[in-house]
Protein backbone atom coordinates (compact mmCIF):
# COMPACT_ATOMS: atom_id res chain seq x y z
CA MET A 1 8.07 2.68 -19.55
CA LYS A 2 7.68 1.30 -16.07
CA LEU A 3 10.64 -0.85 -15.04
CA VAL A 4 11.16 -3.42 -12.28
CA GLU A 5 14.10 -4.91 -10.94
CA CYS A 6 14.19 -8.52 -10.05
CA VAL A 7 17.10 -10.41 -8.34
CA PRO A 8 16.65 -13.90 -8.32
CA ASN A 9 19.06 -16.22 -6.17
CA PHE A 10 19.88 -19.61 -7.41
CA SER A 11 21.38 -22.60 -5.83
CA GLU A 12 24.26 -23.24 -7.88
CA GLY A 13 27.46 -21.50 -8.42
CA ARG A 14 29.98 -24.25 -9.34
CA ARG A 15 28.57 -25.41 -12.90
CA PRO A 16 28.83 -22.50 -15.36
CA GLU A 17 26.77 -24.24 -17.92
CA VAL A 18 23.84 -24.64 -15.64
CA VAL A 19 24.22 -20.62 -14.64
CA ALA A 20 24.42 -19.99 -18.43
CA ALA A 21 21.39 -21.85 -19.20
CA ILE A 22 19.30 -19.93 -16.44
CA ARG A 23 21.03 -16.69 -17.75
CA GLU A 24 19.75 -17.47 -21.31
CA ALA A 25 16.54 -18.44 -20.33
CA ILE A 26 16.01 -15.06 -18.52
CA ALA A 27 17.38 -13.08 -21.27
CA ALA A 28 15.27 -14.69 -23.85
CA VAL A 29 12.29 -12.78 -22.72
CA GLU A 30 11.54 -9.59 -24.94
CA GLY A 31 12.86 -6.19 -23.18
CA VAL A 32 14.93 -7.89 -20.17
CA LEU A 33 18.03 -6.53 -19.60
CA ILE A 34 20.85 -8.53 -17.52
CA PHE A 35 22.71 -6.13 -15.21
CA ASP A 36 24.93 -8.74 -13.49
CA VAL A 37 25.41 -12.42 -12.73
CA SER A 38 27.52 -13.06 -9.65
CA SER A 39 28.63 -16.81 -8.70
CA ASP A 40 30.08 -17.81 -5.55
CA VAL A 41 31.78 -21.43 -5.41
CA SER A 42 31.78 -21.63 -1.60
CA HIS A 43 28.19 -20.62 -1.38
CA ASN A 44 27.35 -22.73 -4.50
CA ARG A 45 25.05 -19.92 -5.32
CA THR A 46 24.21 -17.31 -8.19
CA VAL A 47 22.37 -14.20 -7.86
CA ILE A 48 21.26 -12.61 -11.32
CA THR A 49 20.23 -9.10 -11.46
CA PHE A 50 18.08 -7.96 -14.33
CA VAL A 51 15.83 -5.32 -15.22
CA ALA A 52 12.39 -5.73 -17.21
CA PRO A 53 9.30 -3.82 -18.16
CA ILE A 54 6.74 -4.44 -15.80
CA GLU A 55 4.64 -6.40 -18.20
CA ARG A 56 7.47 -8.92 -18.90
CA ALA A 57 8.99 -9.27 -15.37
CA VAL A 58 6.89 -12.47 -14.34
CA ASP A 59 7.91 -14.00 -17.83
CA ALA A 60 11.47 -13.34 -17.20
CA ALA A 61 11.46 -14.68 -13.64
CA PHE A 62 9.30 -17.68 -14.62
CA ALA A 63 11.85 -18.54 -17.42
CA GLY A 64 14.49 -18.50 -14.82
CA ILE A 65 12.77 -20.77 -12.18
CA GLU A 66 11.91 -23.35 -14.79
CA ALA A 67 15.40 -23.39 -15.88
CA ALA A 68 16.61 -24.06 -12.49
CA ARG A 69 14.05 -26.73 -11.77
CA ASP A 70 15.28 -28.45 -15.05
CA ASN A 71 19.05 -28.44 -14.06
CA ILE A 72 19.55 -28.28 -10.21
CA ASP A 73 18.85 -31.17 -8.00
CA LEU A 74 18.87 -30.10 -4.34
CA THR A 75 19.03 -33.66 -3.07
CA VAL A 76 22.90 -33.35 -3.86
CA HIS A 77 23.37 -29.75 -3.54
CA GLN A 78 26.04 -28.53 -0.92
CA GLY A 79 26.92 -25.26 -0.14
CA GLU A 80 27.62 -22.63 2.61
CA HIS A 81 24.62 -20.47 1.98
CA PRO A 82 21.14 -21.33 3.48
CA ARG A 83 18.77 -22.71 0.64
CA MET A 84 15.43 -24.15 0.33
CA GLY A 85 15.03 -24.14 -3.73
CA ALA A 86 16.76 -24.64 -6.92
CA ALA A 87 15.44 -20.88 -7.27
CA ASP A 88 15.59 -19.98 -3.76
CA VAL A 89 14.28 -16.53 -3.52
CA VAL A 90 13.04 -14.38 -6.12
CA PRO A 91 12.55 -10.69 -5.14
CA PHE A 92 11.15 -7.83 -7.17
CA VAL A 93 12.27 -4.34 -6.33
CA PRO A 94 10.60 -1.19 -7.52
CA LEU A 95 12.47 1.18 -9.72
CA GLU A 96 11.80 4.63 -11.07
CA GLY A 97 8.21 4.77 -12.09
CA THR A 98 7.29 1.52 -10.32
CA THR A 99 5.40 1.31 -7.00
CA MET A 100 6.02 -1.15 -4.01
CA GLU A 101 2.44 -2.06 -4.65
CA ASP A 102 3.26 -3.00 -8.38
CA CYS A 103 6.06 -5.27 -7.27
CA VAL A 104 3.59 -7.05 -4.54
CA GLY A 105 1.10 -7.79 -7.33
CA LEU A 106 4.01 -9.10 -9.51
CA ALA A 107 5.15 -11.35 -6.79
CA ARG A 108 1.73 -12.89 -6.21
CA THR A 109 1.24 -13.11 -9.96
CA LEU A 110 4.47 -15.08 -10.12
CA GLY A 111 3.82 -17.19 -7.04
CA GLU A 112 0.45 -18.56 -8.38
CA ARG A 113 2.04 -19.39 -11.84
CA VAL A 114 4.82 -21.30 -10.21
CA GLY A 115 2.79 -23.21 -7.92
CA ARG A 116 0.22 -24.14 -10.48
CA VAL A 117 2.59 -24.81 -13.45
CA LEU A 118 5.57 -26.07 -11.99
CA GLU A 119 4.43 -27.80 -9.08
CA ILE A 120 6.68 -25.96 -6.74
CA PRO A 121 5.26 -24.77 -3.33
CA VAL A 122 5.59 -20.85 -3.08
CA TYR A 123 6.35 -18.79 0.03
CA LEU A 124 5.18 -15.03 -0.34
CA TYR A 125 7.79 -13.07 1.95
CA GLU A 126 8.81 -9.45 2.81
CA ARG A 127 6.35 -6.76 1.60
CA ALA A 128 4.37 -9.33 -0.44
CA ALA A 129 3.91 -11.72 2.60
CA ALA A 130 0.27 -12.82 3.13
CA ARG A 131 1.26 -13.65 7.00
CA PRO A 132 3.03 -11.48 9.22
CA SER A 133 5.01 -14.61 10.48
CA ARG A 134 6.41 -14.94 6.88
CA GLU A 135 7.67 -11.28 6.37
CA ASN A 136 11.25 -12.28 7.33
CA LEU A 137 13.08 -14.52 4.78
CA ALA A 138 15.11 -16.40 7.63
CA ASP A 139 11.94 -17.39 9.31
CA VAL A 140 10.55 -18.71 5.73
CA ARG A 141 13.81 -20.55 5.02
CA ARG A 142 14.41 -22.10 8.27
CA GLY A 143 15.26 -25.85 8.22
CA GLU A 144 15.99 -25.48 4.67
CA PHE A 145 15.24 -28.01 1.90
CA GLU A 146 15.43 -31.03 4.00
CA GLY A 147 13.62 -29.59 7.14
CA ILE A 148 10.65 -28.11 4.88
CA ARG A 149 10.61 -31.54 3.04
CA ASP A 150 10.01 -33.27 6.11
CA ASP A 151 7.62 -30.59 7.63
CA ILE A 152 5.59 -29.23 5.19
CA ALA A 153 2.93 -32.04 4.83
CA THR A 154 1.94 -32.02 8.74
CA ASN A 155 2.88 -28.55 10.03
CA PRO A 156 0.01 -25.99 9.19
CA ALA A 157 2.75 -23.23 9.53
CA ARG A 158 4.65 -24.67 6.61
CA GLU A 159 1.47 -24.49 4.55
CA PRO A 160 2.26 -22.63 1.26
CA ASP A 161 0.70 -19.60 -0.41
CA TYR A 162 0.77 -21.47 -3.58
CA GLY A 163 1.36 -24.83 -5.00
CA PRO A 164 1.28 -28.22 -3.29
CA SER A 165 1.83 -29.09 0.16
CA ARG A 166 4.88 -31.09 -0.58
CA VAL A 167 8.26 -29.88 -1.90
CA HIS A 168 9.31 -30.65 -5.39
CA PRO A 169 11.64 -33.50 -5.26
CA THR A 170 14.58 -31.71 -6.78
CA ALA A 171 13.57 -28.24 -7.06
CA GLY A 172 12.33 -28.20 -3.48
CA ALA A 173 10.36 -24.89 -2.58
CA ILE A 174 10.68 -21.01 -3.22
CA ALA A 175 10.20 -17.80 -1.59
CA ILE A 176 8.92 -14.97 -3.72
CA GLY A 177 8.40 -11.56 -2.58
CA ALA A 178 8.58 -7.62 -3.00
CA ARG A 179 11.02 -5.40 -0.97
CA PRO A 180 13.08 -2.34 -1.33
CA PHE A 181 16.57 -2.39 -2.87
CA LEU A 182 18.83 -4.61 -0.48
CA VAL A 183 22.77 -4.32 -0.80
CA ALA A 184 24.77 -7.74 -0.19
CA TYR A 185 27.63 -6.96 1.40
CA ASN A 186 30.53 -9.25 2.86
CA VAL A 187 33.23 -8.59 5.09
CA TYR A 188 36.25 -10.73 5.44
CA LEU A 189 38.30 -11.49 8.80
CA GLY A 190 41.44 -13.08 7.73
CA ASP A 191 41.70 -16.84 7.30
CA ARG A 192 39.54 -19.92 8.47
CA SER A 193 40.70 -19.90 11.93
CA ASN A 194 38.62 -16.96 12.72
CA ILE A 195 35.31 -18.29 11.70
CA GLU A 196 34.23 -18.25 15.14
CA VAL A 197 34.84 -14.74 15.42
CA ALA A 198 32.92 -14.16 12.27
CA LYS A 199 30.26 -15.76 14.06
CA ARG A 200 30.15 -13.94 16.83
CA VAL A 201 30.31 -10.73 14.99
CA ALA A 202 27.58 -11.66 12.55
CA LYS A 203 25.19 -12.22 15.58
CA ALA A 204 26.36 -8.99 17.11
CA VAL A 205 25.36 -7.08 13.77
CA ARG A 206 22.14 -8.71 12.89
CA GLY A 207 19.10 -6.96 13.58
CA SER A 208 17.45 -10.18 14.73
CA SER A 209 19.88 -10.61 17.80
CA GLY A 210 19.68 -7.08 18.77
CA GLY A 211 22.23 -5.49 16.46
CA LEU A 212 21.42 -3.21 13.34
CA ARG A 213 17.70 -3.34 12.74
CA HIS A 214 17.92 -3.58 8.93
CA VAL A 215 20.74 -5.75 8.69
CA LYS A 216 20.81 -9.84 8.32
CA GLY A 217 24.18 -11.55 8.74
CA LEU A 218 25.72 -14.90 8.93
CA GLY A 219 29.21 -15.96 9.85
CA LEU A 220 30.56 -18.39 7.16
CA GLU A 221 33.89 -19.96 5.96
CA VAL A 222 34.60 -19.02 2.18
CA ASP A 223 37.48 -19.95 0.36
CA ALA A 224 39.66 -20.80 3.74
CA GLN A 225 38.53 -17.35 4.96
CA ALA A 226 36.26 -16.00 7.60
CA GLN A 227 33.17 -14.22 6.09
CA VAL A 228 30.66 -12.06 7.62
CA SER A 229 28.10 -12.14 5.02
CA MET A 230 25.35 -9.45 5.27
CA ASN A 231 22.32 -8.26 3.71
CA LEU A 232 21.63 -4.47 4.25
CA VAL A 233 17.79 -4.52 3.72
CA ASP A 234 17.26 -0.78 3.96
CA THR A 235 20.41 1.42 3.40
CA GLU A 236 18.71 4.50 4.23
CA LYS A 237 18.18 3.72 7.60
CA THR A 238 21.51 1.71 8.17
CA PRO A 239 24.10 2.75 5.65
CA LEU A 240 26.66 0.89 4.58
CA HIS A 241 29.41 2.50 6.41
CA ARG A 242 27.70 1.73 9.60
CA ALA A 243 27.58 -1.73 9.03
CA PHE A 244 31.30 -1.98 8.21
CA ASP A 245 32.13 0.02 11.27
CA MET A 246 30.31 -2.44 13.39
CA VAL A 247 31.71 -5.40 12.03
CA LYS A 248 35.19 -3.74 12.39
CA MET A 249 34.73 -2.63 16.01
CA GLU A 250 33.22 -6.31 17.01
CA ALA A 251 36.05 -8.10 15.13
CA ALA A 252 38.57 -5.93 16.86
CA ALA A 253 36.89 -6.59 20.44
CA SER A 254 38.18 -10.29 19.72
CA GLY A 255 41.64 -8.98 18.43
CA VAL A 256 40.82 -9.75 14.77
CA ALA A 257 41.16 -7.22 11.98
CA THR A 258 39.17 -6.75 8.92
CA THR A 259 41.12 -7.59 5.64
CA TRP A 260 38.82 -6.94 2.99
CA SER A 261 35.01 -6.71 1.79
CA GLU A 262 33.13 -6.89 -1.40
CA ILE A 263 29.66 -6.22 -2.64
CA VAL A 264 27.74 -8.85 -4.45
CA GLY A 265 25.55 -7.56 -7.39
CA LEU A 266 24.80 -4.18 -7.95
CA VAL A 267 24.70 -1.19 -5.64
CA PRO A 268 22.82 2.34 -5.64
CA GLU A 269 25.29 5.14 -6.35
CA ARG A 270 24.36 7.02 -3.30
CA VAL A 271 25.09 4.24 -0.91
CA LEU A 272 28.91 4.61 -2.20
CA PHE A 273 28.62 8.50 -2.14
CA GLU A 274 27.61 8.23 1.52
CA ALA A 275 30.34 5.88 2.50
CA ALA A 276 33.08 7.98 0.77
CA ALA A 277 31.54 11.54 2.24
CA ARG A 278 31.52 9.58 5.84
CA TYR A 279 35.41 8.36 5.44
CA LEU A 280 36.86 11.50 3.74
CA GLN A 281 34.81 13.55 6.23
CA LEU A 282 33.39 15.78 3.70
CA ASP A 283 31.09 18.43 5.08
CA ARG A 284 27.80 19.15 3.35
CA PHE A 285 28.56 16.98 0.44
CA THR A 286 25.86 16.42 -2.16
CA PRO A 287 25.50 14.19 -5.44
CA ASP A 288 25.20 17.62 -7.22
CA GLN A 289 28.70 17.89 -6.53
CA VAL A 290 29.32 14.73 -8.94
CA LEU A 291 30.06 15.73 -12.63
CA GLU A 292 28.53 12.41 -13.77
CA HIS A 293 25.29 13.01 -11.93
CA LYS A 294 25.33 16.87 -13.23
CA LEU A 295 25.55 15.44 -16.88
CA ARG A 296 22.79 13.10 -16.83
CA GLU A 297 20.71 15.67 -15.02
CA ALA A 298 21.32 17.89 -17.98
CA THR A 299 21.15 15.54 -20.91
CA THR A 300 17.71 13.90 -19.36
CA GLY A 301 16.30 16.98 -17.99
CA GLY A 302 16.18 15.70 -14.54
CA LEU A 303 13.26 13.39 -13.15
CA SER A 304 11.93 11.27 -15.89
CA LEU A 305 8.10 11.35 -16.34
CA ALA A 306 7.91 7.86 -14.82
CA GLY A 307 9.91 8.81 -11.84
CA PHE A 308 7.44 11.70 -11.64
CA VAL A 309 4.43 9.63 -11.54
CA ALA A 310 6.08 7.41 -8.86
CA ALA A 311 6.70 10.44 -6.85
CA VAL A 312 3.07 11.67 -7.20
CA ALA A 313 1.95 8.08 -6.32
CA SER A 314 4.19 8.02 -3.00
CA SER A 315 2.86 9.00 0.54
CA THR A 316 4.65 12.16 0.27
CA PRO A 317 2.28 15.24 -0.10
CA ALA A 318 4.42 16.70 -2.95
CA PRO A 319 4.45 16.95 -5.67
CA GLY A 320 0.87 16.90 -5.63
CA GLY A 321 -2.33 18.55 -7.67
CA GLY A 322 -0.27 21.48 -8.38
CA SER A 323 2.67 20.01 -10.14
CA VAL A 324 0.19 17.71 -12.00
CA ALA A 325 -1.85 20.62 -13.13
CA ALA A 326 1.30 22.11 -14.59
CA LEU A 327 2.17 18.96 -16.15
CA ALA A 328 -1.13 18.55 -17.81
CA GLY A 329 -0.65 22.10 -19.23
CA ALA A 330 3.06 21.29 -20.49
CA LEU A 331 1.75 18.37 -22.24
CA ALA A 332 -1.41 20.66 -23.75
CA ALA A 333 1.33 22.96 -25.03
CA ALA A 334 3.47 20.47 -26.77
CA LEU A 335 0.51 19.05 -28.32
CA ALA A 336 -0.58 22.65 -29.68
CA GLN A 337 3.07 23.05 -30.85
CA MET A 338 3.11 19.78 -32.62
CA VAL A 339 -0.11 20.39 -34.50
CA ALA A 340 1.22 24.03 -35.44
CA GLY A 341 4.54 22.23 -36.69
CA LEU A 342 2.32 19.78 -38.75
CA THR A 343 0.80 22.87 -40.27
CA ALA A 344 3.52 25.23 -41.10
CA GLY A 345 5.43 24.75 -44.46
CA ARG A 346 2.59 22.85 -46.23
CA LYS A 347 1.00 24.39 -49.32
CA LYS A 348 -2.45 23.78 -48.59
CA TYR A 349 -2.02 25.99 -45.32
CA ALA A 350 0.15 28.60 -46.65
CA ALA A 351 -2.25 31.23 -45.81
CA VAL A 352 -1.71 30.74 -41.97
CA ASP A 353 1.92 29.64 -42.20
CA ALA A 354 3.43 32.58 -40.30
CA GLU A 355 0.50 32.34 -37.86
CA MET A 356 1.38 28.60 -37.40
CA LYS A 357 5.02 29.26 -36.85
CA ASP A 358 4.29 32.20 -34.11
CA ILE A 359 1.82 29.56 -32.38
CA ALA A 360 4.80 27.03 -32.35
CA LEU A 361 6.94 29.58 -30.50
CA ARG A 362 4.43 30.80 -28.20
CA ALA A 363 3.50 27.15 -27.32
CA ALA A 364 6.94 26.16 -26.74
CA ASP A 365 7.45 29.10 -24.39
CA ALA A 366 4.34 28.19 -22.34
CA SER A 367 5.55 24.76 -22.20
CA ARG A 368 8.92 25.73 -20.65
CA THR A 369 7.14 28.08 -18.10
CA LEU A 370 4.64 25.34 -17.24
CA PHE A 371 7.50 22.76 -17.07
CA SER A 372 9.33 24.98 -14.62
CA LEU A 373 6.24 25.14 -12.27
CA ILE A 374 5.94 21.61 -11.85
CA GLU A 375 9.23 21.88 -9.46
CA ARG A 376 8.12 25.23 -8.30
CA ASP A 377 4.64 24.27 -7.00
CA ALA A 378 6.43 21.51 -4.85
CA ALA A 379 8.75 23.85 -3.61
CA SER A 380 6.41 26.30 -2.50
CA TYR A 381 4.33 23.27 -0.44
CA GLY A 382 7.71 22.95 1.03
CA ALA A 383 7.92 26.42 2.21
CA VAL A 384 4.03 26.49 3.57
CA SER A 385 5.25 23.36 5.62
CA ASP A 386 8.27 24.42 7.03
CA SER A 387 6.46 27.73 8.16
CA TYR A 388 3.87 25.68 10.30
CA LYS A 389 7.20 23.80 12.08
CA MET A 390 8.53 27.11 13.31
CA PRO A 391 8.53 27.71 17.14
CA ARG A 392 5.84 29.36 19.18
CA ASP A 393 7.85 29.59 22.36
CA ASN A 394 7.07 33.22 23.03
CA GLU A 395 4.84 35.69 21.71
CA ALA A 396 7.56 37.16 19.26
CA ALA A 397 8.09 33.63 17.89
CA THR A 398 4.47 33.21 17.48
CA ASP A 399 4.25 36.37 15.68
CA ALA A 400 7.19 35.49 13.49
CA ARG A 401 5.53 32.32 12.44
CA ALA A 402 2.12 33.80 11.79
CA LYS A 403 3.79 36.28 9.35
CA ALA A 404 5.86 33.34 7.82
CA ILE A 405 2.48 31.22 7.29
CA THR A 406 0.93 34.02 5.51
CA THR A 407 3.76 34.80 3.21
CA ALA A 408 4.24 31.12 2.47
CA LEU A 409 0.66 30.61 1.72
CA LEU A 410 0.41 33.62 -0.49
CA GLY A 411 3.35 32.20 -2.21
CA ALA A 412 1.73 28.90 -2.72
CA SER A 413 -1.07 30.57 -4.09
CA GLU A 414 0.85 32.76 -6.56
CA VAL A 415 2.69 29.69 -8.12
CA PRO A 416 -0.67 27.84 -9.17
CA LEU A 417 -1.97 31.06 -10.54
CA GLU A 418 0.77 31.29 -12.67
CA THR A 419 0.10 27.88 -13.86
CA ALA A 420 -3.50 29.05 -14.50
CA ARG A 421 -2.47 31.63 -16.65
CA ALA A 422 -0.19 29.57 -18.71
CA CYS A 423 -2.89 26.87 -19.13
CA ALA A 424 -5.48 29.63 -20.30
CA THR A 425 -2.87 30.82 -22.94
CA VAL A 426 -2.37 27.15 -24.15
CA ALA A 427 -6.19 26.81 -24.42
CA LYS A 428 -6.43 29.87 -26.71
CA LEU A 429 -3.81 28.25 -28.74
CA ALA A 430 -5.37 24.90 -28.97
CA GLU A 431 -8.54 26.68 -30.19
CA LEU A 432 -6.36 28.31 -32.91
CA VAL A 433 -4.76 25.08 -34.16
CA ALA A 434 -8.08 23.27 -34.05
CA GLU A 435 -9.55 26.01 -36.19
CA LYS A 436 -6.81 26.83 -38.47
CA GLY A 437 -4.53 23.93 -38.49
CA ASN A 438 -3.72 20.58 -40.16
CA THR A 439 -7.14 18.83 -40.15
CA ASN A 440 -5.39 15.39 -39.89
CA ALA A 441 -4.09 16.48 -36.28
CA VAL A 442 -7.44 18.34 -35.05
CA SER A 443 -7.80 15.68 -32.58
CA ASP A 444 -4.57 16.37 -30.95
CA ALA A 445 -5.56 19.90 -30.69
CA GLY A 446 -9.02 18.62 -28.89
CA VAL A 447 -6.86 16.67 -26.52
CA ALA A 448 -4.38 19.86 -25.83
CA ALA A 449 -7.71 21.99 -25.18
CA LEU A 450 -9.12 19.62 -22.68
CA LEU A 451 -5.76 19.19 -20.79
CA ALA A 452 -5.25 22.77 -20.74
CA GLU A 453 -8.85 23.47 -19.50
CA ALA A 454 -8.19 20.59 -16.73
CA GLY A 455 -4.66 21.98 -15.99
CA CYS A 456 -6.27 25.52 -15.41
CA LYS A 457 -9.29 24.38 -13.06
CA ALA A 458 -6.85 22.00 -11.06
CA ALA A 459 -4.50 25.21 -10.49
CA SER A 460 -7.46 27.32 -9.58
CA TYR A 461 -8.33 24.59 -6.77
CA ASN A 462 -4.75 25.10 -5.51
CA VAL A 463 -5.01 29.03 -5.44
CA ARG A 464 -8.25 28.60 -3.60
CA ILE A 465 -7.23 26.10 -0.89
CA ASN A 466 -4.23 28.09 -0.01
CA VAL A 467 -6.23 31.31 0.04
CA ALA A 468 -8.69 29.33 2.24
CA ALA A 469 -5.97 28.65 5.09
CA LEU A 470 -5.14 32.35 5.38
CA THR A 471 -6.18 33.95 8.73
CA ASP A 472 -6.88 36.93 6.62
CA LYS A 473 -8.58 35.81 3.51
CA SER A 474 -9.04 39.19 2.25
CA LEU A 475 -5.40 39.11 1.38
CA GLY A 476 -5.90 36.62 -1.50
CA HIS A 477 -9.28 37.67 -2.82
CA THR A 478 -7.64 39.10 -5.99
CA LEU A 479 -6.03 36.10 -6.50
CA VAL A 480 -9.12 34.02 -6.22
CA GLU A 481 -10.95 36.26 -8.59
CA GLU A 482 -8.35 36.05 -11.22
CA ALA A 483 -8.21 32.42 -10.94
CA GLU A 484 -11.68 31.98 -11.49
CA ALA A 485 -11.60 34.15 -14.68
CA LEU A 486 -9.02 32.30 -16.08
CA VAL A 487 -10.97 29.04 -15.51
CA ALA A 488 -13.81 30.74 -17.37
CA THR A 489 -11.60 31.86 -20.17
CA ALA A 490 -9.85 28.43 -20.70
CA SER A 491 -13.45 26.66 -20.50
CA LEU A 492 -14.54 28.92 -23.41
CA HIS A 493 -11.38 28.18 -25.34
CA ALA A 494 -11.98 24.41 -24.68
CA ALA A 495 -15.77 24.55 -25.84
CA ASN A 496 -14.84 26.43 -29.02
CA THR A 497 -12.10 23.68 -29.74
CA ILE A 498 -14.66 20.77 -29.16
CA GLN A 499 -16.88 22.24 -31.73
CA ALA A 500 -14.25 22.58 -34.26
CA VAL A 501 -12.90 19.23 -33.48
CA GLU A 502 -16.48 17.66 -34.00
CA ARG A 503 -16.94 19.61 -37.30
CA ALA A 504 -13.99 18.31 -38.72
CA ILE A 505 -14.57 14.81 -37.38
CA GLY A 506 -18.01 14.72 -38.58
CA VAL A 507 -18.83 11.27 -37.54
């Protein structure tokens, strides 16, 4: 299942009954999980974090926007936080298995629907922006509700991406977008007497003023305290601890100390791990040292299928075709094991009971092998990439680099060759269960054979392309020959399987 996170911000933080109505509207959509509801009285703002299947995300966000339109009147709204709409900002964030392109599509689908049905002008921002000038949310929201209301009909720069060229009389306008995970982080600088210091610090910290590139910041008075309110829009490039350190340093320059800080909403665990490792001066710390991390890995088998698909779809070269070939083979083996399991123990197939049990065991073994080859193939690519990065400063270094490249390329050829061997074995098992197994599952045997053949052919491509990169291609000649023979074997088993399937289906 592909999941997406949505973090809509609503211009209401003082009336619990209104916040509850918005929350309930979102939660009523099938498959939605509400993870967090954070309200701030001084900001007069609520941030709701929910996760939904990708096909339900737009419905859930729309329900929240509609509830906000019906319950919030911006003409009487007051609060510290900038705002232009009852539902002010609605970003979609990709989770494991979902890409940024998916989220851009969701933002545009939602924007069109909100503009057409609710008659609220919509501005696309961040990664979903249709204009470069609207990538930055602060630029989109400049002037807030009142300024946009007075300007939208006459200023071409204010023309919405969707909806009417007039603000909704009570719900205003809305920014809908797609972005990476954002951490909302506030640092406090004592009582309200330090508000001017907070504003100076926010200016120094935020990227638009020359501070930290991936930080947005404001100096605000909240609950009679001076607050530096920040959004960290890319915590991989600007981590949480760096933002805190800069706030602390800039405040100290004015003779003011930080008193406490807070995270609004949710935060990825790695962000806190990085901060902890920084302040504890932990050397060579990795998440693998965290007990719960190891437990999750052990109980879920590591990366989920959705996560693997997203990793393949990303712009990084690994995991690539070799890993996908291994996955195809593993799925084929699982299907062959399933058909054998549906055959063993049934009176009708007593004559092949022992054989089916043996096939099930062999298929399970092949599946485990192929599953391990998914990661091994990606790792072998990494070894090739590292070898090409070795220095060539002198003759000895150049020679060492050439030898390392040859070794890495041969290793990267041998891994997919293992995949091809396993896939050919699985193709034979698929043929056996198609011919002798439960006829009600013969189509599954056919799918297994097709996947095994595809995996074998795909693996052979990886063998050949790595051998082709060798300076001395004769070193890989036997590898290529074996790969080609395995493809011929897998294809023969697949053809026999398809004939068995066609005979059984008979339509």
